[in-house]
PDB file of N, CA and C in Angstrom:
ATOM      1  N   VAL A   1      17.971   1.896   5.121  1.00  0.00           N
ATOM      2  CA  VAL A   1      17.271   2.084   6.369  1.00  0.00           C
ATOM      3  C   VAL A   1      17.291   0.724   6.800  1.00  0.00           C
ATOM      4  N   ALA A   2      17.930  -0.580   6.191  1.00  0.00           N
ATOM      5  CA  ALA A   2      17.763  -1.984   6.948  1.00  0.00           C
ATOM      6  C   ALA A   2      18.868  -1.865   7.334  1.00  0.00           C
ATOM      7  N   ALA A   3      19.669  -1.690   6.755  1.00  0.00           N
ATOM      8  CA  ALA A   3      21.711  -1.722   7.267  1.00  0.00           C
ATOM      9  C   ALA A   3      21.888  -0.696   8.537  1.00  0.00           C
ATOM     10  N   ASN A   4      21.279   0.331   8.121  1.00  0.00           N
ATOM     11  CA  ASN A   4      21.988   1.500   9.140  1.00  0.00           C
ATOM     12  C   ASN A   4      21.108   2.379   9.791  1.00  0.00           C
ATOM     13  N   GLY A   5      19.585   2.180   9.696  1.00  0.00           N
ATOM     14  CA  GLY A   5      18.519   2.683  10.484  1.00  0.00           C
ATOM     15  C   GLY A   5      18.111   4.070   9.516  1.00  0.00           C
ATOM     16  N   LEU A   6      17.408   4.832  10.628  1.00  0.00           N
ATOM     17  CA  LEU A   6      16.851   6.236   9.858  1.00  0.00           C
ATOM     18  C   LEU A   6      17.355   7.081  10.545  1.00  0.00           C
ATOM     19  N   PRO A   7      18.038   8.028   9.150  1.00  0.00           N
ATOM     20  CA  PRO A   7      18.763   8.883   9.541  1.00  0.00           C
ATOM     21  C   PRO A   7      17.806  10.369  10.554  1.00  0.00           C
ATOM     22  N   GLY A   8      18.845  11.297  11.420  1.00  0.00           N
ATOM     23  CA  GLY A   8      18.153  11.760  11.689  1.00  0.00           C
ATOM     24  C   GLY A   8      17.538  11.560  12.346  1.00  0.00           C
ATOM     25  N   LYS A   9      16.023  12.461  12.632  1.00  0.00           N
ATOM     26  CA  LYS A   9      14.908  12.055  13.250  1.00  0.00           C
ATOM     27  C   LYS A   9      13.812  11.586  13.240  1.00  0.00           C
ATOM     28  N   HIS A  10      14.139  11.044  12.086  1.00  0.00           N
ATOM     29  CA  HIS A  10      12.712  10.375  11.106  1.00  0.00           C
ATOM     30  C   HIS A  10      12.398   9.138  12.069  1.00  0.00           C
ATOM     31  N   HIS A  11      10.794   9.287  11.854  1.00  0.00           N
ATOM     32  CA  HIS A  11      10.572   8.048  12.613  1.00  0.00           C
ATOM     33  C   HIS A  11       9.069   7.965  12.260  1.00  0.00           C
ATOM     34  N   PHE A  12       8.855   6.695  11.616  1.00  0.00           N
ATOM     35  CA  PHE A  12       7.501   6.451  11.124  1.00  0.00           C
ATOM     36  C   PHE A  12       6.340   5.529  12.077  1.00  0.00           C
ATOM     37  N   PHE A  13       5.174   6.242  11.667  1.00  0.00           N
ATOM     38  CA  PHE A  13       3.980   5.561  12.612  1.00  0.00           C
ATOM     39  C   PHE A  13       3.069   5.400  11.338  1.00  0.00           C
ATOM     40  N   ILE A  14       3.027   4.179  11.064  1.00  0.00           N
ATOM     41  CA  ILE A  14       2.163   2.919   9.718  1.00  0.00           C
ATOM     42  C   ILE A  14       0.970   2.360  10.358  1.00  0.00           C
ATOM     43  N   SER A  15      -0.234   2.570   9.987  1.00  0.00           N
ATOM     44  CA  SER A  15      -1.224   1.698  10.082  1.00  0.00           C
ATOM     45  C   SER A  15      -2.081   0.712   9.367  1.00  0.00           C
ATOM     46  N   PHE A  16      -2.162   0.069   9.591  1.00  0.00           N
ATOM     47  CA  PHE A  16      -2.519  -1.105   8.704  1.00  0.00           C
ATOM     48  C   PHE A  16      -3.730  -2.067   9.258  1.00  0.00           C
ATOM     49  N   ASP A  17      -4.553  -2.827   8.144  1.00  0.00           N
ATOM     50  CA  ASP A  17      -5.529  -3.500   8.450  1.00  0.00           C
ATOM     51  C   ASP A  17      -4.581  -5.096   8.594  1.00  0.00           C
ATOM     52  N   THR A  18      -4.875  -5.249  10.143  1.00  0.00           N
ATOM     53  CA  THR A  18      -4.755  -6.148  10.867  1.00  0.00           C
ATOM     54  C   THR A  18      -5.633  -7.661  10.208  1.00  0.00           C
ATOM     55  N   SER A  19      -6.356  -7.545   9.604  1.00  0.00           N
ATOM     56  CA  SER A  19      -7.617  -8.726   9.376  1.00  0.00           C
ATOM     57  C   SER A  19      -6.836  -8.631   7.408  1.00  0.00           C
ATOM     58  N   HIS A  20      -6.000  -8.317   7.159  1.00  0.00           N
ATOM     59  CA  HIS A  20      -5.796  -8.470   5.669  1.00  0.00           C
ATOM     60  C   HIS A  20      -5.411  -9.956   5.832  1.00  0.00           C
ATOM     61  N   PRO A  21      -5.792 -10.627   4.700  1.00  0.00           N
ATOM     62  CA  PRO A  21      -5.208 -11.978   4.439  1.00  0.00           C
ATOM     63  C   PRO A  21      -3.582 -12.679   4.930  1.00  0.00           C
ATOM     64  N   ASP A  22      -3.057 -11.601   4.055  1.00  0.00           N
ATOM     65  CA  ASP A  22      -1.812 -11.854   4.075  1.00  0.00           C
ATOM     66  C   ASP A  22      -1.052 -11.453   5.375  1.00  0.00           C
ATOM     67  N   ALA A  23      -1.420 -10.051   5.875  1.00  0.00           N
ATOM     68  CA  ALA A  23      -0.823  -9.749   7.418  1.00  0.00           C
ATOM     69  C   ALA A  23      -0.292 -10.772   8.185  1.00  0.00           C
ATOM     70  N   ARG A  24       0.885 -10.931   8.641  1.00  0.00           N
ATOM     71  CA  ARG A  24       1.046 -12.038   9.602  1.00  0.00           C
ATOM     72  C   ARG A  24       1.466 -11.153  10.848  1.00  0.00           C
ATOM     73  N   MET A  25       1.190 -12.256  11.957  1.00  0.00           N
ATOM     74  CA  MET A  25       1.555 -11.274  13.136  1.00  0.00           C
ATOM     75  C   MET A  25       1.481 -12.492  14.707  1.00  0.00           C
ATOM     76  N   ALA A  26       2.025 -12.246  15.680  1.00  0.00           N
ATOM     77  CA  ALA A  26       1.603 -13.295  17.065  1.00  0.00           C
ATOM     78  C   ALA A  26       0.078 -13.688  17.192  1.00  0.00           C
ATOM     79  N   ASP A  27      -0.044 -14.347  17.419  1.00  0.00           N
ATOM     80  CA  ASP A  27      -1.690 -14.442  17.955  1.00  0.00           C
ATOM     81  C   ASP A  27      -2.216 -13.651  18.789  1.00  0.00           C
ATOM     82  N   TRP A  28      -1.482 -13.247  19.789  1.00  0.00           N
ATOM     83  CA  TRP A  28      -2.065 -12.408  20.861  1.00  0.00           C
ATOM     84  C   TRP A  28      -1.707 -10.980  20.615  1.00  0.00           C
ATOM     85  N   LEU A  29      -1.247 -10.769  19.289  1.00  0.00           N
ATOM     86  CA  LEU A  29      -1.291  -9.044  18.695  1.00  0.00           C
ATOM     87  C   LEU A  29      -2.461  -9.157  17.808  1.00  0.00           C
ATOM     88  N   GLN A  30      -2.778 -10.193  17.367  1.00  0.00           N
ATOM     89  CA  GLN A  30      -4.113 -10.260  16.220  1.00  0.00           C
ATOM     90  C   GLN A  30      -4.988 -10.059  17.363  1.00  0.00           C
ATOM     91  N   GLU A  31      -5.535 -11.137  18.402  1.00  0.00           N
ATOM     92  CA  GLU A  31      -6.628 -10.777  19.070  1.00  0.00           C
ATOM     93  C   GLU A  31      -6.602  -9.458  19.926  1.00  0.00           C
ATOM     94  N   ARG A  32      -5.782  -8.772  20.232  1.00  0.00           N
ATOM     95  CA  ARG A  32      -5.289  -7.325  20.858  1.00  0.00           C
ATOM     96  C   ARG A  32      -5.714  -6.355  19.616  1.00  0.00           C
ATOM     97  N   HIS A  33      -5.778  -6.700  18.423  1.00  0.00           N
ATOM     98  CA  HIS A  33      -5.926  -5.519  17.439  1.00  0.00           C
ATOM     99  C   HIS A  33      -6.532  -6.240  16.049  1.00  0.00           C
ATOM    100  N   PRO A  34      -7.900  -6.403  16.412  1.00  0.00           N
ATOM    101  CA  PRO A  34      -8.340  -7.220  15.191  1.00  0.00           C
ATOM    102  C   PRO A  34      -8.837  -6.681  13.538  1.00  0.00           C
ATOM    103  N   LYS A  35      -8.712  -5.374  14.220  1.00  0.00           N
ATOM    104  CA  LYS A  35      -9.071  -4.790  12.711  1.00  0.00           C
ATOM    105  C   LYS A  35      -7.765  -4.057  12.613  1.00  0.00           C
ATOM    106  N   GLU A  36      -7.212  -2.969  13.441  1.00  0.00           N
ATOM    107  CA  GLU A  36      -5.988  -2.321  12.476  1.00  0.00           C
ATOM    108  C   GLU A  36      -5.133  -2.044  13.930  1.00  0.00           C
ATOM    109  N   MET A  37      -3.802  -1.576  13.602  1.00  0.00           N
ATOM    110  CA  MET A  37      -2.689  -1.404  14.505  1.00  0.00           C
ATOM    111  C   MET A  37      -1.598  -0.584  13.893  1.00  0.00           C
ATOM    112  N   THR A  38      -1.447   0.346  14.634  1.00  0.00           N
ATOM    113  CA  THR A  38      -0.182   0.938  14.335  1.00  0.00           C
ATOM    114  C   THR A  38       0.951   1.219  14.877  1.00  0.00           C
ATOM    115  N   ILE A  39       2.230   0.949  14.096  1.00  0.00           N
ATOM    116  CA  ILE A  39       3.254   0.784  14.609  1.00  0.00           C
ATOM    117  C   ILE A  39       4.195   1.542  14.551  1.00  0.00           C
ATOM    118  N   VAL A  40       5.313   1.435  15.240  1.00  0.00           N
ATOM    119  CA  VAL A  40       6.274   3.399  15.478  1.00  0.00           C
ATOM    120  C   VAL A  40       7.444   2.632  14.814  1.00  0.00           C
ATOM    121  N   ILE A  41       8.383   2.675  14.034  1.00  0.00           N
ATOM    122  CA  ILE A  41       9.411   2.434  13.449  1.00  0.00           C
ATOM    123  C   ILE A  41      10.416   3.935  13.491  1.00  0.00           C
ATOM    124  N   GLN A  42      11.204   3.453  14.575  1.00  0.00           N
ATOM    125  CA  GLN A  42      11.865   4.574  14.905  1.00  0.00           C
ATOM    126  C   GLN A  42      13.220   3.938  15.488  1.00  0.00           C
ATOM    127  N   ASN A  43      13.433   3.792  16.623  1.00  0.00           N
ATOM    128  CA  ASN A  43      14.735   3.726  17.165  1.00  0.00           C
ATOM    129  C   ASN A  43      15.185   1.895  17.590  1.00  0.00           C
ATOM    130  N   TRP A  44      14.053   0.860  17.629  1.00  0.00           N
ATOM    131  CA  TRP A  44      14.293  -0.397  18.283  1.00  0.00           C
ATOM    132  C   TRP A  44      13.461  -1.378  16.504  1.00  0.00           C
ATOM    133  N   PHE A  45      14.312  -1.594  16.141  1.00  0.00           N
ATOM    134  CA  PHE A  45      13.571  -2.872  14.713  1.00  0.00           C
ATOM    135  C   PHE A  45      14.629  -3.716  14.290  1.00  0.00           C
ATOM    136  N   GLU A  46      14.661  -4.511  13.634  1.00  0.00           N
ATOM    137  CA  GLU A  46      15.625  -5.513  13.337  1.00  0.00           C
ATOM    138  C   GLU A  46      14.858  -6.179  12.420  1.00  0.00           C
ATOM    139  N   ASN A  47      15.480  -6.816  11.301  1.00  0.00           N
ATOM    140  CA  ASN A  47      14.825  -7.456  10.506  1.00  0.00           C
ATOM    141  C   ASN A  47      14.221  -6.786   9.355  1.00  0.00           C
ATOM    142  N   LEU A  48      14.248  -5.814   9.080  1.00  0.00           N
ATOM    143  CA  LEU A  48      13.951  -5.176   7.938  1.00  0.00           C
ATOM    144  C   LEU A  48      13.947  -5.386   6.611  1.00  0.00           C
ATOM    145  N   GLU A  49      13.059  -5.953   6.316  1.00  0.00           N
ATOM    146  CA  GLU A  49      13.055  -6.186   4.654  1.00  0.00           C
ATOM    147  C   GLU A  49      11.920  -6.124   3.756  1.00  0.00           C
ATOM    148  N   VAL A  50      11.912  -5.330   2.639  1.00  0.00           N
ATOM    149  CA  VAL A  50      11.096  -5.050   1.596  1.00  0.00           C
ATOM    150  C   VAL A  50      11.100  -5.829   0.739  1.00  0.00           C
ATOM    151  N   THR A  51       9.470  -6.521  -0.019  1.00  0.00           N
ATOM    152  CA  THR A  51       9.522  -7.213  -0.912  1.00  0.00           C
ATOM    153  C   THR A  51       8.718  -5.996  -2.060  1.00  0.00           C
ATOM    154  N   ASP A  52       8.354  -6.925  -3.108  1.00  0.00           N
ATOM    155  CA  ASP A  52       7.447  -6.014  -4.251  1.00  0.00           C
ATOM    156  C   ASP A  52       6.067  -5.764  -3.705  1.00  0.00           C
ATOM    157  N   ASP A  53       5.482  -6.689  -2.661  1.00  0.00           N
ATOM    158  CA  ASP A  53       4.320  -7.255  -2.166  1.00  0.00           C
ATOM    159  C   ASP A  53       3.933  -6.221  -0.456  1.00  0.00           C
ATOM    160  N   GLY A  54       5.124  -6.352  -0.260  1.00  0.00           N
ATOM    161  CA  GLY A  54       4.976  -5.813   1.588  1.00  0.00           C
ATOM    162  C   GLY A  54       6.094  -5.801   1.744  1.00  0.00           C
ATOM    163  N   PHE A  55       6.632  -5.622   3.534  1.00  0.00           N
ATOM    164  CA  PHE A  55       7.394  -5.457   4.372  1.00  0.00           C
ATOM    165  C   PHE A  55       7.492  -6.250   5.613  1.00  0.00           C
ATOM    166  N   SER A  56       8.653  -6.879   5.977  1.00  0.00           N
ATOM    167  CA  SER A  56       8.438  -7.687   7.742  1.00  0.00           C
ATOM    168  C   SER A  56       9.586  -6.995   8.360  1.00  0.00           C
ATOM    169  N   VAL A  57       9.284  -6.774   9.525  1.00  0.00           N
ATOM    170  CA  VAL A  57      10.322  -6.292  10.581  1.00  0.00           C
ATOM    171  C   VAL A  57       9.721  -7.035  11.958  1.00  0.00           C
ATOM    172  N   THR A  58      11.006  -6.794  12.498  1.00  0.00           N
ATOM    173  CA  THR A  58      10.759  -7.077  14.077  1.00  0.00           C
ATOM    174  C   THR A  58      10.585  -6.447  14.769  1.00  0.00           C
ATOM    175  N   LEU A  59       9.786  -6.081  15.533  1.00  0.00           N
ATOM    176  CA  LEU A  59       9.712  -4.895  16.520  1.00  0.00           C
ATOM    177  C   LEU A  59       9.368  -5.442  17.793  1.00  0.00           C
ATOM    178  N   ASN A  60       9.898  -4.425  19.060  1.00  0.00           N
ATOM    179  CA  ASN A  60       9.780  -4.620  20.291  1.00  0.00           C
ATOM    180  C   ASN A  60       8.663  -4.327  20.955  1.00  0.00           C
ATOM    181  N   PHE A  61       7.557  -5.641  21.684  1.00  0.00           N
ATOM    182  CA  PHE A  61       6.473  -5.114  22.396  1.00  0.00           C
ATOM    183  C   PHE A  61       6.648  -5.739  23.682  1.00  0.00           C
ATOM    184  N   GLY A  62       6.623  -4.660  24.997  1.00  0.00           N
ATOM    185  CA  GLY A  62       7.153  -5.038  25.784  1.00  0.00           C
ATOM    186  C   GLY A  62       8.342  -6.055  25.890  1.00  0.00           C
ATOM    187  N   ASN A  63       9.318  -5.966  25.923  1.00  0.00           N
ATOM    188  CA  ASN A  63      10.653  -6.271  26.055  1.00  0.00           C
ATOM    189  C   ASN A  63      10.246  -7.735  25.425  1.00  0.00           C
ATOM    190  N   ALA A  64       9.325  -7.866  24.384  1.00  0.00           N
ATOM    191  CA  ALA A  64       9.547  -9.202  23.772  1.00  0.00           C
ATOM    192  C   ALA A  64       9.386  -8.858  22.170  1.00  0.00           C
ATOM    193  N   PRO A  65      10.467  -9.379  21.325  1.00  0.00           N
ATOM    194  CA  PRO A  65      10.882  -9.285  20.203  1.00  0.00           C
ATOM    195  C   PRO A  65       9.531  -9.813  19.146  1.00  0.00           C
ATOM    196  N   GLU A  66       8.904  -9.556  18.259  1.00  0.00           N
ATOM    197  CA  GLU A  66       7.693 -10.283  17.488  1.00  0.00           C
ATOM    198  C   GLU A  66       8.312  -9.634  15.997  1.00  0.00           C
ATOM    199  N   PRO A  67       8.080 -11.072  15.517  1.00  0.00           N
ATOM    200  CA  PRO A  67       8.139 -10.576  13.619  1.00  0.00           C
ATOM    201  C   PRO A  67       6.521 -10.136  12.912  1.00  0.00           C
ATOM    202  N   LEU A  68       6.555  -8.978  12.217  1.00  0.00           N
ATOM    203  CA  LEU A  68       5.224  -8.749  11.878  1.00  0.00           C
ATOM    204  C   LEU A  68       5.510  -8.547  10.189  1.00  0.00           C
ATOM    205  N   TYR A  69       4.565  -9.317   9.471  1.00  0.00           N
ATOM    206  CA  TYR A  69       5.078  -8.921   7.976  1.00  0.00           C
ATOM    207  C   TYR A  69       3.589  -7.886   7.496  1.00  0.00           C
ATOM    208  N   ILE A  70       3.964  -7.181   6.829  1.00  0.00           N
ATOM    209  CA  ILE A  70       2.694  -6.481   6.351  1.00  0.00           C
ATOM    210  C   ILE A  70       2.620  -6.152   4.790  1.00  0.00           C
ATOM    211  N   PRO A  71       1.683  -6.488   4.432  1.00  0.00           N
ATOM    212  CA  PRO A  71       1.639  -6.536   2.724  1.00  0.00           C
ATOM    213  C   PRO A  71       1.119  -4.575   2.561  1.00  0.00           C
ATOM    214  N   PHE A  72       1.788  -4.393   1.506  1.00  0.00           N
ATOM    215  CA  PHE A  72       1.283  -3.425   1.162  1.00  0.00           C
ATOM    216  C   PHE A  72      -0.207  -2.775   0.711  1.00  0.00           C
ATOM    217  N   ASP A  73      -0.974  -3.733   0.321  1.00  0.00           N
ATOM    218  CA  ASP A  73      -2.553  -3.715   0.495  1.00  0.00           C
ATOM    219  C   ASP A  73      -3.137  -3.532   1.809  1.00  0.00           C
ATOM    220  N   SER A  74      -2.362  -3.304   2.242  1.00  0.00           N
ATOM    221  CA  SER A  74      -2.982  -3.457   3.835  1.00  0.00           C
ATOM    222  C   SER A  74      -2.807  -2.186   4.860  1.00  0.00           C
ATOM    223  N   LEU A  75      -1.564  -1.538   4.226  1.00  0.00           N
ATOM    224  CA  LEU A  75      -1.728  -0.218   4.332  1.00  0.00           C
ATOM    225  C   LEU A  75      -2.779   1.257   4.723  1.00  0.00           C
ATOM    226  N   LEU A  76      -2.893   1.645   5.793  1.00  0.00           N
ATOM    227  CA  LEU A  76      -4.151   2.474   5.841  1.00  0.00           C
ATOM    228  C   LEU A  76      -3.320   3.850   5.916  1.00  0.00           C
ATOM    229  N   THR A  77      -2.179   4.020   6.851  1.00  0.00           N
ATOM    230  CA  THR A  77      -1.568   5.758   6.917  1.00  0.00           C
ATOM    231  C   THR A  77      -0.067   4.951   7.166  1.00  0.00           C
ATOM    232  N   PHE A  78       0.925   5.713   6.380  1.00  0.00           N
ATOM    233  CA  PHE A  78       1.931   6.587   6.859  1.00  0.00           C
ATOM    234  C   PHE A  78       2.306   7.616   7.174  1.00  0.00           C
ATOM    235  N   VAL A  79       2.920   8.059   8.209  1.00  0.00           N
ATOM    236  CA  VAL A  79       3.806   9.578   8.424  1.00  0.00           C
ATOM    237  C   VAL A  79       4.801   9.008   8.925  1.00  0.00           C
ATOM    238  N   ASP A  80       5.795  10.555   8.832  1.00  0.00           N
ATOM    239  CA  ASP A  80       6.399  10.877   9.233  1.00  0.00           C
ATOM    240  C   ASP A  80       6.810  12.254   9.948  1.00  0.00           C
ATOM    241  N   PRO A  81       6.504  12.067  11.156  1.00  0.00           N
ATOM    242  CA  PRO A  81       6.279  13.468  11.777  1.00  0.00           C
ATOM    243  C   PRO A  81       7.230  13.788  11.309  1.00  0.00           C
ATOM    244  N   SER A  82       9.143  13.710  11.851  1.00  0.00           N
ATOM    245  CA  SER A  82       9.760  14.471  11.771  1.00  0.00           C
ATOM    246  C   SER A  82      10.099  15.457  10.540  1.00  0.00           C
ATOM    247  N   VAL A  83       9.091  15.279   9.543  1.00  0.00           N
ATOM    248  CA  VAL A  83       9.439  16.154   7.942  1.00  0.00           C
ATOM    249  C   VAL A  83       7.737  16.319   7.652  1.00  0.00           C
ATOM    250  N   GLU A  84       7.279  16.508   8.941  1.00  0.00           N
ATOM    251  CA  GLU A  84       5.522  16.500   8.370  1.00  0.00           C
ATOM    252  C   GLU A  84       4.775  16.486   7.201  1.00  0.00           C
ATOM    253  N   PHE A  85       5.550  14.834   7.250  1.00  0.00           N
ATOM    254  CA  PHE A  85       4.275  14.101   6.010  1.00  0.00           C
ATOM    255  C   PHE A  85       3.603  12.962   6.344  1.00  0.00           C
ATOM    256  N   GLY A  86       2.928  13.175   5.643  1.00  0.00           N
ATOM    257  CA  GLY A  86       1.720  11.982   5.701  1.00  0.00           C
ATOM    258  C   GLY A  86       0.854  11.990   4.677  1.00  0.00           C
ATOM    259  N   ILE A  87       0.535  10.162   4.555  1.00  0.00           N
ATOM    260  CA  ILE A  87      -0.240  10.079   3.525  1.00  0.00           C
ATOM    261  C   ILE A  87      -1.411   8.719   4.010  1.00  0.00           C
ATOM    262  N   ARG A  88      -2.654   8.567   3.190  1.00  0.00           N
ATOM    263  CA  ARG A  88      -3.891   8.152   3.911  1.00  0.00           C
ATOM    264  C   ARG A  88      -3.861   6.717   2.530  1.00  0.00           C
ATOM    265  N   PHE A  89      -3.934   6.118   2.441  1.00  0.00           N
ATOM    266  CA  PHE A  89      -4.407   5.034   1.420  1.00  0.00           C
ATOM    267  C   PHE A  89      -6.115   4.781   1.971  1.00  0.00           C
ATOM    268  N   GLU A  90      -6.159   5.020   0.377  1.00  0.00           N
ATOM    269  CA  GLU A  90      -7.924   4.356   0.293  1.00  0.00           C
ATOM    270  C   GLU A  90      -8.187   3.114  -0.217  1.00  0.00           C
ATOM    271  N   THR A  91      -9.206   2.500   0.551  1.00  0.00           N
ATOM    272  CA  THR A  91      -9.459   1.221  -0.084  1.00  0.00           C
ATOM    273  C   THR A  91     -10.386   1.823  -1.017  1.00  0.00           C
ATOM    274  N   GLY A  92     -10.156   1.101  -2.054  1.00  0.00           N
ATOM    275  CA  GLY A  92     -11.366   1.112  -2.969  1.00  0.00           C
ATOM    276  C   GLY A  92     -12.325  -0.048  -3.515  1.00  0.00           C
ATOM    277  N   GLU A  93     -13.189   0.111  -4.456  1.00  0.00           N
ATOM    278  CA  GLU A  93     -13.928  -1.064  -4.399  1.00  0.00           C
ATOM    279  C   GLU A  93     -13.240  -2.200  -5.127  1.00  0.00           C
ATOM    280  N   GLU A  94     -13.793  -3.447  -4.734  1.00  0.00           N
ATOM    281  CA  GLU A  94     -12.892  -4.589  -6.306  1.00  0.00           C
ATOM    282  C   GLU A  94     -13.377  -4.040  -7.088  1.00  0.00           C
ATOM    283  N   GLU A  95     -11.718  -4.556  -7.990  1.00  0.00           N
ATOM    284  CA  GLU A  95     -12.127  -4.019  -9.296  1.00  0.00           C
ATOM    285  C   GLU A  95     -13.245  -4.523 -10.412  1.00  0.00           C
ATOM    286  N   SER A  96     -14.304  -3.838 -10.872  1.00  0.00           N
ATOM    287  CA  SER A  96     -14.917  -4.696 -11.545  1.00  0.00           C
ATOM    288  C   SER A  96     -14.678  -5.169 -12.564  1.00  0.00           C
ATOM    289  N   ALA A  97     -15.478  -5.863 -13.714  1.00  0.00           N
ATOM    290  CA  ALA A  97     -15.307  -6.810 -14.805  1.00  0.00           C
ATOM    291  C   ALA A  97     -14.984  -5.672 -15.253  1.00  0.00           C
ATOM    292  N   PRO A  98     -13.853  -5.929 -16.843  1.00  0.00           N
ATOM    293  CA  PRO A  98     -14.523  -5.085 -17.813  1.00  0.00           C
ATOM    294  C   PRO A  98     -15.524  -4.866 -18.639  1.00  0.00           C
ATOM    295  N   VAL A  99     -15.724  -3.465 -18.785  1.00  0.00           N
ATOM    296  CA  VAL A  99     -17.011  -3.324 -19.897  1.00  0.00           C
ATOM    297  C   VAL A  99     -16.666  -3.974 -21.664  1.00  0.00           C
ATOM    298  N   PRO A 100     -17.451  -4.671 -21.960  1.00  0.00           N
ATOM    299  CA  PRO A 100     -17.183  -5.275 -23.215  1.00  0.00           C
ATOM    300  C   PRO A 100     -17.719  -4.486 -24.295  1.00  0.00           C
ATOM    301  N   ILE A 101     -16.537  -4.160 -25.165  1.00  0.00           N
ATOM    302  CA  ILE A 101     -16.730  -3.135 -26.399  1.00  0.00           C
ATOM    303  C   ILE A 101     -17.849  -3.557 -27.488  1.00  0.00           C
ATOM    304  N   GLU A 102     -18.632  -3.122 -27.649  1.00  0.00           N
ATOM    305  CA  GLU A 102     -19.390  -3.661 -28.649  1.00  0.00           C
ATOM    306  C   GLU A 102     -19.437  -3.511 -29.804  1.00  0.00           C
ATOM    307  N   LEU A 103     -19.205  -4.422 -30.776  1.00  0.00           N
ATOM    308  CA  LEU A 103     -18.833  -4.133 -32.487  1.00  0.00           C
ATOM    309  C   LEU A 103     -19.634  -4.539 -33.494  1.00  0.00           C
ATOM    310  N   GLU A 104     -19.536  -3.769 -34.633  1.00  0.00           N
ATOM    311  CA  GLU A 104     -20.843  -4.143 -35.842  1.00  0.00           C
ATOM    312  C   GLU A 104     -20.317  -5.013 -36.141  1.00  0.00           C
ATOM    313  N   PRO A 105     -21.563  -5.638 -36.790  1.00  0.00           N
ATOM    314  CA  PRO A 105     -22.096  -6.729 -37.512  1.00  0.00           C
ATOM    315  C   PRO A 105     -20.581  -7.603 -38.304  1.00  0.00           C
ATOM    316  N   ASP A 106     -20.170  -6.528 -38.675  1.00  0.00           N
ATOM    317  CA  ASP A 106     -18.971  -6.923 -39.669  1.00  0.00           C
ATOM    318  C   ASP A 106     -17.507  -6.653 -38.720  1.00  0.00           C
ATOM    319  N   GLY A 107     -17.816  -6.892 -37.489  1.00  0.00           N
ATOM    320  CA  GLY A 107     -16.548  -7.107 -36.541  1.00  0.00           C
ATOM    321  C   GLY A 107     -15.490  -5.481 -36.274  1.00  0.00           C
ATOM    322  N   LYS A 108     -16.683  -4.661 -36.726  1.00  0.00           N
ATOM    323  CA  LYS A 108     -15.443  -3.521 -37.036  1.00  0.00           C
ATOM    324  C   LYS A 108     -16.075  -2.483 -35.504  1.00  0.00           C
ATOM    325  N   GLN A 109     -14.533  -2.320 -34.441  1.00  0.00           N
ATOM    326  CA  GLN A 109     -15.378  -1.072 -33.234  1.00  0.00           C
ATOM    327  C   GLN A 109     -16.484  -0.076 -33.913  1.00  0.00           C
ATOM    328  N   GLU A 110     -17.404  -0.089 -33.145  1.00  0.00           N
ATOM    329  CA  GLU A 110     -18.533   1.337 -33.762  1.00  0.00           C
ATOM    330  C   GLU A 110     -17.404   2.765 -32.844  1.00  0.00           C
ATOM    331  N   SER A 111     -17.082   3.880 -34.015  1.00  0.00           N
ATOM    332  CA  SER A 111     -17.061   4.520 -32.943  1.00  0.00           C
ATOM    333  C   SER A 111     -17.617   6.347 -32.724  1.00  0.00           C
ATOM    334  N   GLU A 112     -17.690   6.216 -32.064  1.00  0.00           N
ATOM    335  CA  GLU A 112     -18.689   7.869 -31.553  1.00  0.00           C
ATOM    336  C   GLU A 112     -17.583   8.912 -31.303  1.00  0.00           C
ATOM    337  N   ALA A 113     -16.500   8.986 -31.200  1.00  0.00           N
ATOM    338  CA  ALA A 113     -15.445  10.085 -31.849  1.00  0.00           C
ATOM    339  C   ALA A 113     -15.290  10.814 -33.607  1.00  0.00           C
ATOM    340  N   GLU A 114     -15.691  11.721 -33.267  1.00  0.00           N
ATOM    341  CA  GLU A 114     -15.211  12.590 -34.680  1.00  0.00           C
ATOM    342  C   GLU A 114     -13.450  12.490 -35.207  1.00  0.00           C
ATOM    343  N   ILE A 115     -13.503  11.985 -36.659  1.00  0.00           N
ATOM    344  CA  ILE A 115     -11.932  11.848 -36.870  1.00  0.00           C
ATOM    345  C   ILE A 115     -11.711  13.242 -37.381  1.00  0.00           C
ATOM    346  N   VAL A 116     -10.922  14.035 -37.311  1.00  0.00           N
ATOM    347  CA  VAL A 116     -10.386  15.338 -37.610  1.00  0.00           C
ATOM    348  C   VAL A 116      -9.043  15.399 -38.599  1.00  0.00           C
ATOM    349  N   LYS A 117      -8.718  15.936 -39.493  1.00  0.00           N
ATOM    350  CA  LYS A 117      -7.765  15.419 -40.473  1.00  0.00           C
ATOM    351  C   LYS A 117      -6.454  16.809 -40.025  1.00  0.00           C
ATOM    352  N   LEU A 118      -5.515  16.668 -39.827  1.00  0.00           N
ATOM    353  CA  LEU A 118      -4.971  17.725 -39.871  1.00  0.00           C
ATOM    354  C   LEU A 118      -4.215  18.445 -41.006  1.00  0.00           C
ATOM    355  N   ASP A 119      -4.525  17.583 -41.874  1.00  0.00           N
ATOM    356  CA  ASP A 119      -4.049  18.051 -43.723  1.00  0.00           C
ATOM    357  C   ASP A 119      -4.496  19.557 -43.771  1.00  0.00           C
ATOM    358  N   ASN A 120      -6.017  19.808 -43.407  1.00  0.00           N
ATOM    359  CA  ASN A 120      -6.718  20.745 -43.444  1.00  0.00           C
ATOM    360  C   ASN A 120      -6.007  22.289 -42.777  1.00  0.00           C
ATOM    361  N   PHE A 121      -5.342  21.818 -41.791  1.00  0.00           N
ATOM    362  CA  PHE A 121      -5.093  22.869 -40.668  1.00  0.00           C
ATOM    363  C   PHE A 121      -3.034  23.098 -41.181  1.00  0.00           C
ATOM    364  N   ARG A 122      -2.157  22.310 -41.860  1.00  0.00           N
ATOM    365  CA  ARG A 122      -0.872  22.807 -42.276  1.00  0.00           C
ATOM    366  C   ARG A 122      -0.795  23.572 -43.214  1.00  0.00           C
ATOM    367  N   LYS A 123       0.095  24.333 -43.539  1.00  0.00           N
ATOM    368  CA  LYS A 123       0.397  25.676 -44.042  1.00  0.00           C
ATOM    369  C   LYS A 123       1.370  25.325 -45.503  1.00  0.00           C
TER     370      LYS A 123
END
């Protein structure tokens, strides 16, 4: 896609959280879209690069090319209308601290499960 563009009639509508701390865009775009922005990747885009954490792309805003960096963590929706595909990303609560496992006084983990021996069922 970065080298040859999108095949056929594919085009993407991508909504993302512009207030995400790692999202990067021109100040005027941030001011115009302080919470959320939807971009369209279709005919005119340049410098598409994908990393493990997000992607960067240059898009045309009023005949002015503007680079964007969009972290995957900031994605809200992804839609490709040409194939009637869409997905909404749910933002969950921050991960809670792991629940400590209580150990018996001898240091062994207390078991609430029943152990079943399969030997009784073998022929």
